C-alpha atoms as a PDB file:
ATOM      1  CA  MET A   1      43.189  20.572  54.335  1.00  0.00           C
ATOM      2  CA  PHE A   2      40.061  22.154  55.780  1.00  0.00           C
ATOM      3  CA  LEU A   3      39.011  25.553  57.082  1.00  0.00           C
ATOM      4  CA  HIS A   4      39.867  26.238  60.716  1.00  0.00           C
ATOM      5  CA  ALA A   5      38.528  29.793  61.040  1.00  0.00           C
ATOM      6  CA  GLY A   6      37.508  32.698  58.840  1.00  0.00           C
ATOM      7  CA  ALA A   7      35.940  36.142  58.728  1.00  0.00           C
ATOM      8  CA  TYR A   8      33.735  36.959  55.736  1.00  0.00           C
ATOM      9  CA  GLY A   9      31.700  40.060  56.588  1.00  0.00           C
ATOM     10  CA  PRO A  10      28.541  40.161  54.459  1.00  0.00           C
ATOM     11  CA  HIS A  11      29.690  37.377  52.100  1.00  0.00           C
ATOM     12  CA  HIS A  12      27.543  34.621  53.606  1.00  0.00           C
ATOM     13  CA  GLU A  13      27.454  32.398  50.526  1.00  0.00           C
ATOM     14  CA  PHE A  14      31.231  32.462  50.230  1.00  0.00           C
ATOM     15  CA  SER A  15      31.507  31.697  53.953  1.00  0.00           C
ATOM     16  CA  ASP A  16      29.193  28.701  53.630  1.00  0.00           C
ATOM     17  CA  VAL A  17      31.004  27.160  50.681  1.00  0.00           C
ATOM     18  CA  SER A  18      34.417  27.760  52.308  1.00  0.00           C
ATOM     19  CA  GLY A  19      33.326  25.805  55.366  1.00  0.00           C
ATOM     20  CA  ARG A  20      32.418  22.838  53.166  1.00  0.00           C
ATOM     21  CA  THR A  21      35.471  22.927  50.868  1.00  0.00           C
ATOM     22  CA  GLY A  22      38.612  20.868  51.381  1.00  0.00           C
ATOM     23  CA  PHE A  23      41.882  21.235  49.481  1.00  0.00           C
ATOM     24  CA  HIS A  24      44.305  18.562  48.379  1.00  0.00           C
ATOM     25  CA  TYR A  25      48.049  19.132  48.162  1.00  0.00           C
ATOM     26  CA  GLY A  26      48.632  21.567  45.266  1.00  0.00           C
ATOM     27  CA  GLU A  27      44.921  22.288  44.808  1.00  0.00           C
ATOM     28  CA  GLY A  28      43.522  25.814  44.851  1.00  0.00           C
ATOM     29  CA  LEU A  29      45.260  28.735  46.537  1.00  0.00           C
ATOM     30  CA  PRO A  30      45.701  27.006  49.933  1.00  0.00           C
ATOM     31  CA  GLY A  31      46.958  23.845  48.253  1.00  0.00           C
ATOM     32  CA  SER A  32      49.368  25.801  46.064  1.00  0.00           C
ATOM     33  CA  VAL A  33      50.883  27.475  49.128  1.00  0.00           C
ATOM     34  CA  TRP A  34      51.031  24.092  50.874  1.00  0.00           C
ATOM     35  CA  SER A  35      52.888  22.384  48.022  1.00  0.00           C
ATOM     36  CA  SER A  36      55.297  25.243  47.266  1.00  0.00           C
ATOM     37  CA  GLY A  37      55.991  26.379  50.838  1.00  0.00           C
ATOM     38  CA  LYS A  38      56.026  29.927  49.468  1.00  0.00           C
ATOM     39  CA  PRO A  39      53.668  32.895  49.715  1.00  0.00           C
ATOM     40  CA  GLN A  40      51.435  33.072  46.662  1.00  0.00           C
ATOM     41  CA  VAL A  41      49.871  36.191  45.125  1.00  0.00           C
ATOM     42  CA  TRP A  42      47.111  35.430  42.634  1.00  0.00           C
ATOM     43  CA  ASP A  43      46.244  38.611  40.771  1.00  0.00           C
ATOM     44  CA  THR A  44      43.211  36.885  39.270  1.00  0.00           C
ATOM     45  CA  LEU A  45      40.989  34.098  40.546  1.00  0.00           C
ATOM     46  CA  ASP A  46      40.917  31.712  37.616  1.00  0.00           C
ATOM     47  CA  GLU A  47      37.952  29.382  37.263  1.00  0.00           C
ATOM     48  CA  ALA A  48      40.182  26.404  36.566  1.00  0.00           C
ATOM     49  CA  GLN A  49      42.351  26.918  39.658  1.00  0.00           C
ATOM     50  CA  PHE A  50      40.235  28.703  42.270  1.00  0.00           C
ATOM     51  CA  LEU A  51      37.728  26.123  43.517  1.00  0.00           C
ATOM     52  CA  ARG A  52      35.281  28.704  44.888  1.00  0.00           C
ATOM     53  CA  PHE A  53      35.375  30.781  41.710  1.00  0.00           C
ATOM     54  CA  HIS A  54      31.645  31.355  41.171  1.00  0.00           C
ATOM     55  CA  GLU A  55      30.981  32.260  44.808  1.00  0.00           C
ATOM     56  CA  ALA A  56      34.002  34.575  44.797  1.00  0.00           C
ATOM     57  CA  GLN A  57      32.766  36.227  41.632  1.00  0.00           C
ATOM     58  CA  ARG A  58      29.347  36.882  43.161  1.00  0.00           C
ATOM     59  CA  ALA A  59      31.027  38.313  46.267  1.00  0.00           C
ATOM     60  CA  GLY A  60      33.122  40.691  44.145  1.00  0.00           C
ATOM     61  CA  LEU A  61      36.419  39.006  45.058  1.00  0.00           C
ATOM     62  CA  ALA A  62      39.084  39.161  42.389  1.00  0.00           C
ATOM     63  CA  ALA A  63      42.532  38.344  43.836  1.00  0.00           C
ATOM     64  CA  GLY A  64      44.112  36.421  46.684  1.00  0.00           C
ATOM     65  CA  LEU A  65      47.164  36.132  48.913  1.00  0.00           C
ATOM     66  CA  GLY A  66      48.202  32.883  50.574  1.00  0.00           C
ATOM     67  CA  LEU A  67      50.770  32.859  53.406  1.00  0.00           C
ATOM     68  CA  PRO A  68      52.539  29.695  54.665  1.00  0.00           C
ATOM     69  CA  ILE A  69      53.071  29.392  58.422  1.00  0.00           C
ATOM     70  CA  ILE A  70      56.096  27.284  59.399  1.00  0.00           C
ATOM     71  CA  THR A  71      56.941  27.284  63.108  1.00  0.00           C
ATOM     72  CA  GLY A  72      58.307  25.387  66.068  1.00  0.00           C
ATOM     73  CA  GLY A  73      61.204  23.739  64.256  1.00  0.00           C
ATOM     74  CA  ARG A  74      58.769  21.342  62.568  1.00  0.00           C
ATOM     75  CA  PRO A  75      59.267  20.649  58.843  1.00  0.00           C
ATOM     76  CA  GLY A  76      56.527  21.645  56.436  1.00  0.00           C
ATOM     77  CA  THR A  77      53.708  24.135  56.447  1.00  0.00           C
ATOM     78  CA  GLU A  78      51.637  24.107  59.634  1.00  0.00           C
ATOM     79  CA  ALA A  79      48.862  26.458  58.506  1.00  0.00           C
ATOM     80  CA  ILE A  80      47.921  28.780  55.660  1.00  0.00           C
ATOM     81  CA  VAL A  81      46.437  32.259  55.883  1.00  0.00           C
ATOM     82  CA  VAL A  82      44.374  33.340  52.848  1.00  0.00           C
ATOM     83  CA  LEU A  83      43.413  36.980  52.278  1.00  0.00           C
ATOM     84  CA  LEU A  84      41.043  37.780  49.419  1.00  0.00           C
ATOM     85  CA  CYS A  85      40.749  41.168  47.728  1.00  0.00           C
ATOM     86  CA  SER A  86      37.894  42.930  45.997  1.00  0.00           C
ATOM     87  CA  GLY A  87      37.909  43.905  42.313  1.00  0.00           C
ATOM     88  CA  ARG A  88      40.200  46.407  40.670  1.00  0.00           C
ATOM     89  CA  GLY A  89      37.593  49.145  40.491  1.00  0.00           C
ATOM     90  CA  SER A  90      36.887  48.985  44.223  1.00  0.00           C
ATOM     91  CA  GLY A  91      39.873  50.868  45.575  1.00  0.00           C
ATOM     92  CA  GLY A  92      43.609  51.224  45.950  1.00  0.00           C
ATOM     93  CA  GLY A  93      46.168  49.016  47.601  1.00  0.00           C
ATOM     94  CA  SER A  94      48.627  46.381  46.509  1.00  0.00           C
ATOM     95  CA  ILE A  95      50.192  43.087  47.540  1.00  0.00           C
ATOM     96  CA  GLU A  96      53.652  42.045  46.374  1.00  0.00           C
ATOM     97  CA  ARG A  97      55.997  39.103  46.860  1.00  0.00           C
ATOM     98  CA  TRP A  98      59.732  39.759  46.739  1.00  0.00           C
ATOM     99  CA  ASP A  99      62.142  36.820  46.517  1.00  0.00           C
ATOM    100  CA  VAL A 100      65.704  36.839  47.822  1.00  0.00           C
ATOM    101  CA  THR A 101      68.077  35.824  45.015  1.00  0.00           C
ATOM    102  CA  SER A 102      70.348  32.797  45.387  1.00  0.00           C
ATOM    103  CA  ARG A 103      73.404  34.952  46.154  1.00  0.00           C
ATOM    104  CA  ARG A 104      71.379  36.988  48.677  1.00  0.00           C
ATOM    105  CA  THR A 105      72.515  40.223  47.047  1.00  0.00           C
ATOM    106  CA  GLU A 106      69.067  41.535  46.119  1.00  0.00           C
ATOM    107  CA  LEU A 107      65.330  40.933  46.095  1.00  0.00           C
ATOM    108  CA  ALA A 108      63.377  40.549  42.870  1.00  0.00           C
ATOM    109  CA  CYS A 109      59.650  40.995  42.382  1.00  0.00           C
ATOM    110  CA  ALA A 110      57.916  37.629  42.061  1.00  0.00           C
ATOM    111  CA  GLY A 111      54.429  38.916  41.376  1.00  0.00           C
ATOM    112  CA  GLY A 112      51.807  41.191  42.797  1.00  0.00           C
ATOM    113  CA  TYR A 113      48.266  42.473  42.782  1.00  0.00           C
ATOM    114  CA  TYR A 114      47.870  46.220  42.301  1.00  0.00           C
ATOM    115  CA  GLY A 115      44.151  46.879  42.120  1.00  0.00           C
ATOM    116  CA  ASN A 116      43.722  50.121  40.202  1.00  0.00           C
ATOM    117  CA  LEU A 117      47.262  51.375  40.949  1.00  0.00           C
ATOM    118  CA  GLU A 118      48.551  51.266  37.381  1.00  0.00           C
ATOM    119  CA  PRO A 119      51.725  53.360  37.950  1.00  0.00           C
ATOM    120  CA  LEU A 120      52.845  50.986  40.696  1.00  0.00           C
ATOM    121  CA  ALA A 121      51.912  47.955  38.591  1.00  0.00           C
ATOM    122  CA  ARG A 122      54.178  49.226  35.792  1.00  0.00           C
ATOM    123  CA  MET A 123      57.197  50.064  37.963  1.00  0.00           C
ATOM    124  CA  SER A 124      57.453  47.366  40.637  1.00  0.00           C
ATOM    125  CA  PRO A 125      58.140  44.365  38.344  1.00  0.00           C
ATOM    126  CA  ARG A 126      61.080  46.269  36.832  1.00  0.00           C
ATOM    127  CA  MET A 127      62.739  46.973  40.164  1.00  0.00           C
ATOM    128  CA  SER A 128      65.014  45.105  42.551  1.00  0.00           C
ATOM    129  CA  PHE A 129      66.144  45.966  46.045  1.00  0.00           C
ATOM    130  CA  GLN A 130      69.447  45.466  47.779  1.00  0.00           C
ATOM    131  CA  PRO A 131      69.438  44.393  51.434  1.00  0.00           C
ATOM    132  CA  GLY A 132      68.622  47.384  53.621  1.00  0.00           C
ATOM    133  CA  HIS A 133      67.099  49.428  50.785  1.00  0.00           C
ATOM    134  CA  GLY A 134      63.403  50.064  50.351  1.00  0.00           C
ATOM    135  CA  LEU A 135      60.747  48.294  52.375  1.00  0.00           C
ATOM    136  CA  PRO A 136      61.578  44.812  50.990  1.00  0.00           C
ATOM    137  CA  GLY A 137      65.302  45.287  51.637  1.00  0.00           C
ATOM    138  CA  MET A 138      64.774  46.712  55.118  1.00  0.00           C
ATOM    139  CA  THR A 139      62.579  43.750  56.018  1.00  0.00           C
ATOM    140  CA  MET A 140      65.110  41.270  54.659  1.00  0.00           C
ATOM    141  CA  SER A 141      68.031  42.837  56.544  1.00  0.00           C
ATOM    142  CA  SER A 142      66.251  43.075  59.873  1.00  0.00           C
ATOM    143  CA  GLY A 143      64.544  39.707  59.542  1.00  0.00           C
ATOM    144  CA  MET A 144      61.561  41.309  61.223  1.00  0.00           C
ATOM    145  CA  PRO A 145      58.244  42.725  60.020  1.00  0.00           C
ATOM    146  CA  THR A 146      58.739  46.369  59.128  1.00  0.00           C
ATOM    147  CA  LEU A 147      56.155  49.117  58.931  1.00  0.00           C
ATOM    148  CA  VAL A 148      56.399  52.476  57.162  1.00  0.00           C
ATOM    149  CA  GLU A 149      53.584  54.629  58.520  1.00  0.00           C
ATOM    150  CA  ASP A 150      53.737  57.535  56.057  1.00  0.00           C
ATOM    151  CA  ILE A 151      55.176  56.225  52.809  1.00  0.00           C
ATOM    152  CA  LYS A 152      54.821  59.411  50.796  1.00  0.00           C
ATOM    153  CA  ALA A 153      57.124  61.231  53.249  1.00  0.00           C
ATOM    154  CA  SER A 154      59.590  58.383  53.761  1.00  0.00           C
ATOM    155  CA  ASN A 155      63.124  58.547  52.430  1.00  0.00           C
ATOM    156  CA  SER A 156      63.358  54.761  52.745  1.00  0.00           C
ATOM    157  CA  PHE A 157      60.524  54.083  50.298  1.00  0.00           C
ATOM    158  CA  LEU A 158      62.040  54.308  46.827  1.00  0.00           C
ATOM    159  CA  LEU A 159      58.712  54.742  45.062  1.00  0.00           C
ATOM    160  CA  ALA A 160      57.504  57.585  47.296  1.00  0.00           C
ATOM    161  CA  ASP A 161      56.535  59.780  44.334  1.00  0.00           C
ATOM    162  CA  ILE A 162      54.432  57.012  42.809  1.00  0.00           C
ATOM    163  CA  ALA A 163      52.937  56.223  46.215  1.00  0.00           C
ATOM    164  CA  ARG A 164      51.940  59.866  46.536  1.00  0.00           C
ATOM    165  CA  GLU A 165      50.352  59.770  43.090  1.00  0.00           C
ATOM    166  CA  CYS A 166      48.441  56.599  43.940  1.00  0.00           C
ATOM    167  CA  GLY A 167      47.304  57.729  47.391  1.00  0.00           C
ATOM    168  CA  ILE A 168      49.286  55.019  49.212  1.00  0.00           C
ATOM    169  CA  GLU A 169      49.553  55.863  52.893  1.00  0.00           C
ATOM    170  CA  THR A 170      51.261  53.016  54.699  1.00  0.00           C
ATOM    171  CA  GLY A 171      53.156  49.819  53.975  1.00  0.00           C
ATOM    172  CA  ILE A 172      54.208  46.734  55.887  1.00  0.00           C
ATOM    173  CA  GLY A 173      56.788  44.125  54.958  1.00  0.00           C
ATOM    174  CA  ILE A 174      56.492  40.598  56.378  1.00  0.00           C
ATOM    175  CA  PRO A 175      59.475  38.210  56.122  1.00  0.00           C
ATOM    176  CA  PHE A 176      59.107  34.498  55.435  1.00  0.00           C
ATOM    177  CA  TYR A 177      61.982  32.214  56.326  1.00  0.00           C
ATOM    178  CA  ARG A 178      63.399  29.078  54.805  1.00  0.00           C
ATOM    179  CA  GLY A 179      66.368  27.241  56.306  1.00  0.00           C
ATOM    180  CA  GLY A 180      66.788  29.901  58.969  1.00  0.00           C
ATOM    181  CA  GLN A 181      67.132  32.767  56.484  1.00  0.00           C
ATOM    182  CA  VAL A 182      64.659  35.202  54.964  1.00  0.00           C
ATOM    183  CA  ALA A 183      63.646  33.796  51.582  1.00  0.00           C
ATOM    184  CA  HIS A 184      60.624  35.976  50.731  1.00  0.00           C
ATOM    185  CA  VAL A 185      59.147  39.301  51.765  1.00  0.00           C
ATOM    186  CA  VAL A 186      55.446  40.039  51.323  1.00  0.00           C
ATOM    187  CA  VAL A 187      54.691  43.755  51.085  1.00  0.00           C
ATOM    188  CA  LEU A 188      51.216  45.154  51.722  1.00  0.00           C
ATOM    189  CA  LEU A 189      50.621  48.733  50.593  1.00  0.00           C
ATOM    190  CA  SER A 190      47.463  50.391  51.865  1.00  0.00           C
ATOM    191  CA  ALA A 191      45.694  53.430  50.401  1.00  0.00           C
ATOM    192  CA  LYS A 192      44.271  56.120  52.647  1.00  0.00           C
ATOM    193  CA  LYS A 193      40.808  56.159  51.053  1.00  0.00           C
ATOM    194  CA  THR A 194      40.470  52.371  50.810  1.00  0.00           C
ATOM    195  CA  PRO A 195      42.819  50.796  53.398  1.00  0.00           C
ATOM    196  CA  LEU A 196      43.619  47.091  53.416  1.00  0.00           C
ATOM    197  CA  ALA A 197      43.090  47.353  57.186  1.00  0.00           C
ATOM    198  CA  LYS A 198      42.223  50.179  59.560  1.00  0.00           C
ATOM    199  CA  ALA A 199      45.162  49.323  61.805  1.00  0.00           C
ATOM    200  CA  PHE A 200      48.433  47.418  61.486  1.00  0.00           C
ATOM    201  CA  GLU A 201      50.357  46.405  64.601  1.00  0.00           C
ATOM    202  CA  ILE A 202      53.669  44.606  65.166  1.00  0.00           C
ATOM    203  CA  TRP A 203      54.078  42.998  68.595  1.00  0.00           C
ATOM    204  CA  VAL A 204      57.501  41.804  69.780  1.00  0.00           C
ATOM    205  CA  PRO A 205      58.430  39.899  72.967  1.00  0.00           C
ATOM    206  CA  ASP A 206      60.824  41.569  75.395  1.00  0.00           C
ATOM    207  CA  THR A 207      63.534  39.666  77.292  1.00  0.00           C
ATOM    208  CA  GLY A 208      60.957  38.523  79.823  1.00  0.00           C
ATOM    209  CA  GLY A 209      58.568  37.205  77.170  1.00  0.00           C
ATOM    210  CA  THR A 210      56.030  40.022  77.523  1.00  0.00           C
ATOM    211  CA  LEU A 211      54.639  41.233  74.206  1.00  0.00           C
ATOM    212  CA  ARG A 212      54.819  44.952  73.580  1.00  0.00           C
ATOM    213  CA  LEU A 213      53.844  47.088  70.610  1.00  0.00           C
ATOM    214  CA  ALA A 214      56.928  47.788  68.490  1.00  0.00           C
ATOM    215  CA  GLN A 215      55.393  49.496  65.442  1.00  0.00           C
ATOM    216  CA  SER A 216      51.877  50.468  64.479  1.00  0.00           C
ATOM    217  CA  PHE A 217      49.652  52.377  62.097  1.00  0.00           C
ATOM    218  CA  TYR A 218      46.127  53.584  62.853  1.00  0.00           C
ATOM    219  CA  ALA A 219      43.679  55.209  60.478  1.00  0.00           C
ATOM    220  CA  GLN A 220      42.114  58.528  61.378  1.00  0.00           C
ATOM    221  CA  GLY A 221      39.533  58.177  64.133  1.00  0.00           C
ATOM    222  CA  LEU A 222      41.405  55.437  66.010  1.00  0.00           C
ATOM    223  CA  GLU A 223      43.352  57.783  68.299  1.00  0.00           C
ATOM    224  CA  GLU A 224      41.820  56.462  71.533  1.00  0.00           C
ATOM    225  CA  PHE A 225      42.366  52.858  70.462  1.00  0.00           C
ATOM    226  CA  ALA A 226      45.965  53.704  69.520  1.00  0.00           C
ATOM    227  CA  ALA A 227      46.647  55.239  72.924  1.00  0.00           C
ATOM    228  CA  ARG A 228      45.245  52.151  74.680  1.00  0.00           C
ATOM    229  CA  SER A 229      47.311  49.849  72.483  1.00  0.00           C
ATOM    230  CA  LYS A 230      50.598  51.644  73.083  1.00  0.00           C
ATOM    231  CA  GLN A 231      50.164  51.190  76.831  1.00  0.00           C
ATOM    232  CA  ALA A 232      49.401  47.470  76.637  1.00  0.00           C
ATOM    233  CA  ALA A 233      51.760  44.718  77.785  1.00  0.00           C
ATOM    234  CA  LEU A 234      50.519  41.178  77.056  1.00  0.00           C
ATOM    235  CA  LYS A 235      51.678  37.857  78.413  1.00  0.00           C
ATOM    236  CA  PRO A 236      51.794  34.768  76.164  1.00  0.00           C
ATOM    237  CA  GLY A 237      48.224  33.541  75.769  1.00  0.00           C
ATOM    238  CA  GLN A 238      46.719  36.938  76.568  1.00  0.00           C
ATOM    239  CA  GLY A 239      44.703  38.702  73.867  1.00  0.00           C
ATOM    240  CA  LEU A 240      45.097  38.122  70.156  1.00  0.00           C
ATOM    241  CA  PRO A 241      48.876  38.799  70.020  1.00  0.00           C
ATOM    242  CA  GLY A 242      49.486  36.586  73.065  1.00  0.00           C
ATOM    243  CA  ILE A 243      47.427  33.674  71.709  1.00  0.00           C
ATOM    244  CA  VAL A 244      49.270  33.808  68.375  1.00  0.00           C
ATOM    245  CA  PHE A 245      52.619  33.954  70.180  1.00  0.00           C
ATOM    246  CA  ARG A 246      51.835  31.044  72.510  1.00  0.00           C
ATOM    247  CA  THR A 247      50.268  28.740  69.900  1.00  0.00           C
ATOM    248  CA  GLU A 248      52.676  29.770  67.101  1.00  0.00           C
ATOM    249  CA  MET A 249      49.648  29.664  64.812  1.00  0.00           C
ATOM    250  CA  PRO A 250      47.626  32.347  63.009  1.00  0.00           C
ATOM    251  CA  GLN A 251      44.380  33.390  64.653  1.00  0.00           C
ATOM    252  CA  ILE A 252      41.229  35.139  63.458  1.00  0.00           C
ATOM    253  CA  PHE A 253      38.984  36.994  65.885  1.00  0.00           C
ATOM    254  CA  GLY A 254      35.685  37.722  64.172  1.00  0.00           C
ATOM    255  CA  THR A 255      34.460  39.863  67.079  1.00  0.00           C
ATOM    256  CA  ILE A 256      37.279  41.916  68.586  1.00  0.00           C
ATOM    257  CA  ASP A 257      34.710  44.162  70.246  1.00  0.00           C
ATOM    258  CA  THR A 258      34.195  41.397  72.849  1.00  0.00           C
ATOM    259  CA  ALA A 259      36.459  39.300  75.082  1.00  0.00           C
ATOM    260  CA  PRO A 260      38.951  37.589  74.796  1.00  0.00           C
ATOM    261  CA  PHE A 261      40.282  40.566  72.818  1.00  0.00           C
ATOM    262  CA  VAL A 262      41.911  42.494  75.678  1.00  0.00           C
ATOM    263  CA  ARG A 263      41.212  45.901  74.149  1.00  0.00           C
ATOM    264  CA  HIS A 264      37.604  45.070  73.252  1.00  0.00           C
ATOM    265  CA  GLU A 265      36.083  48.179  74.836  1.00  0.00           C
ATOM    266  CA  ALA A 266      38.423  50.459  72.890  1.00  0.00           C
ATOM    267  CA  ALA A 267      37.802  48.375  69.755  1.00  0.00           C
ATOM    268  CA  ARG A 268      34.031  48.737  70.164  1.00  0.00           C
ATOM    269  CA  LYS A 269      34.313  52.514  70.518  1.00  0.00           C
ATOM    270  CA  ALA A 270      36.541  52.627  67.425  1.00  0.00           C
ATOM    271  CA  GLY A 271      34.146  50.490  65.376  1.00  0.00           C
ATOM    272  CA  LEU A 272      36.682  47.684  64.877  1.00  0.00           C
ATOM    273  CA  LYS A 273      35.212  44.229  64.327  1.00  0.00           C
ATOM    274  CA  VAL A 274      37.781  41.774  62.938  1.00  0.00           C
ATOM    275  CA  GLY A 275      41.359  40.955  63.859  1.00  0.00           C
ATOM    276  CA  ILE A 276      43.878  38.694  62.117  1.00  0.00           C
ATOM    277  CA  GLY A 277      47.070  37.681  63.887  1.00  0.00           C
ATOM    278  CA  ILE A 278      50.005  36.265  61.903  1.00  0.00           C
ATOM    279  CA  PRO A 279      53.100  34.776  63.585  1.00  0.00           C
ATOM    280  CA  VAL A 280      56.467  35.679  62.083  1.00  0.00           C
ATOM    281  CA  SER A 281      58.836  32.791  62.763  1.00  0.00           C
ATOM    282  CA  ASN A 282      62.375  31.951  61.749  1.00  0.00           C
ATOM    283  CA  GLY A 283      61.366  28.293  61.815  1.00  0.00           C
ATOM    284  CA  GLU A 284      62.517  27.798  65.402  1.00  0.00           C
ATOM    285  CA  ARG A 285      60.634  30.457  67.351  1.00  0.00           C
ATOM    286  CA  VAL A 286      58.153  33.276  66.879  1.00  0.00           C
ATOM    287  CA  LEU A 287      59.984  36.578  66.477  1.00  0.00           C
ATOM    288  CA  ALA A 288      56.964  38.863  66.212  1.00  0.00           C
ATOM    289  CA  VAL A 289      53.222  38.909  65.697  1.00  0.00           C
ATOM    290  CA  VAL A 290      51.579  41.024  62.983  1.00  0.00           C
ATOM    291  CA  LEU A 291      47.996  42.151  63.517  1.00  0.00           C
ATOM    292  CA  MET A 292      45.599  43.493  60.894  1.00  0.00           C
ATOM    293  CA  LEU A 293      42.470  45.068  62.376  1.00  0.00           C
ATOM    294  CA  SER A 294      39.347  46.239  60.545  1.00  0.00           C
END
């Protein structure tokens, strides 16, 4: 398994070594996701397991998330998305994996990375969610990515008080299917002062196959970009959401302030540079496309 595309910002050394590194089945974070078929949250990058450990250490990277992409009715993992996080002292935000139990009566926490959010780190592993309750349960029940724009004011987020204490602003739940049913939910919680992304978007096809914005979150200062996005209607193959939808594969645009990103003029004015598109599939077809923009 080799790198197809990436966005590394100022981390040129890490970019160079990533382009030269291949992973065998079960090796490193990509290989672990490949062999397990499950999302993986590594709350530390261990020298023995993370092949690019020294370069990651010099870049200030301390944790990672690996997401399996299984689409088109084909068995096995088609691609893997890896997101790497900075050290615990760098800011707030968390990544969690919630697993659906065998009887499908609840979701249990299967690990997470919490940065410097100690209250959340203490509480989440002790909790479970029934279908329809909390962000993990809502995502499981709907089978669709779910976004809570203002967590601290949300009645559906069971840890709203802790989120308020930790400065968490928004959260998104992404379902991962196995055998046609949701098996895992990955939850990304983003702090206002140090967001995981400046914008989150969920694009869903209508009955005619046109992609339209279903849910979104935009940081302060992105009002013009938000207005442009909410008016957009994209055909398969058009823009980042359309390319992800048509190919059924994740995509990384390292320069969304230029074409083929349809909203590149608005992105340039907003100071947005990088876009990641993740397909959400039930194994037979793409149900939605999640975008993270920074």
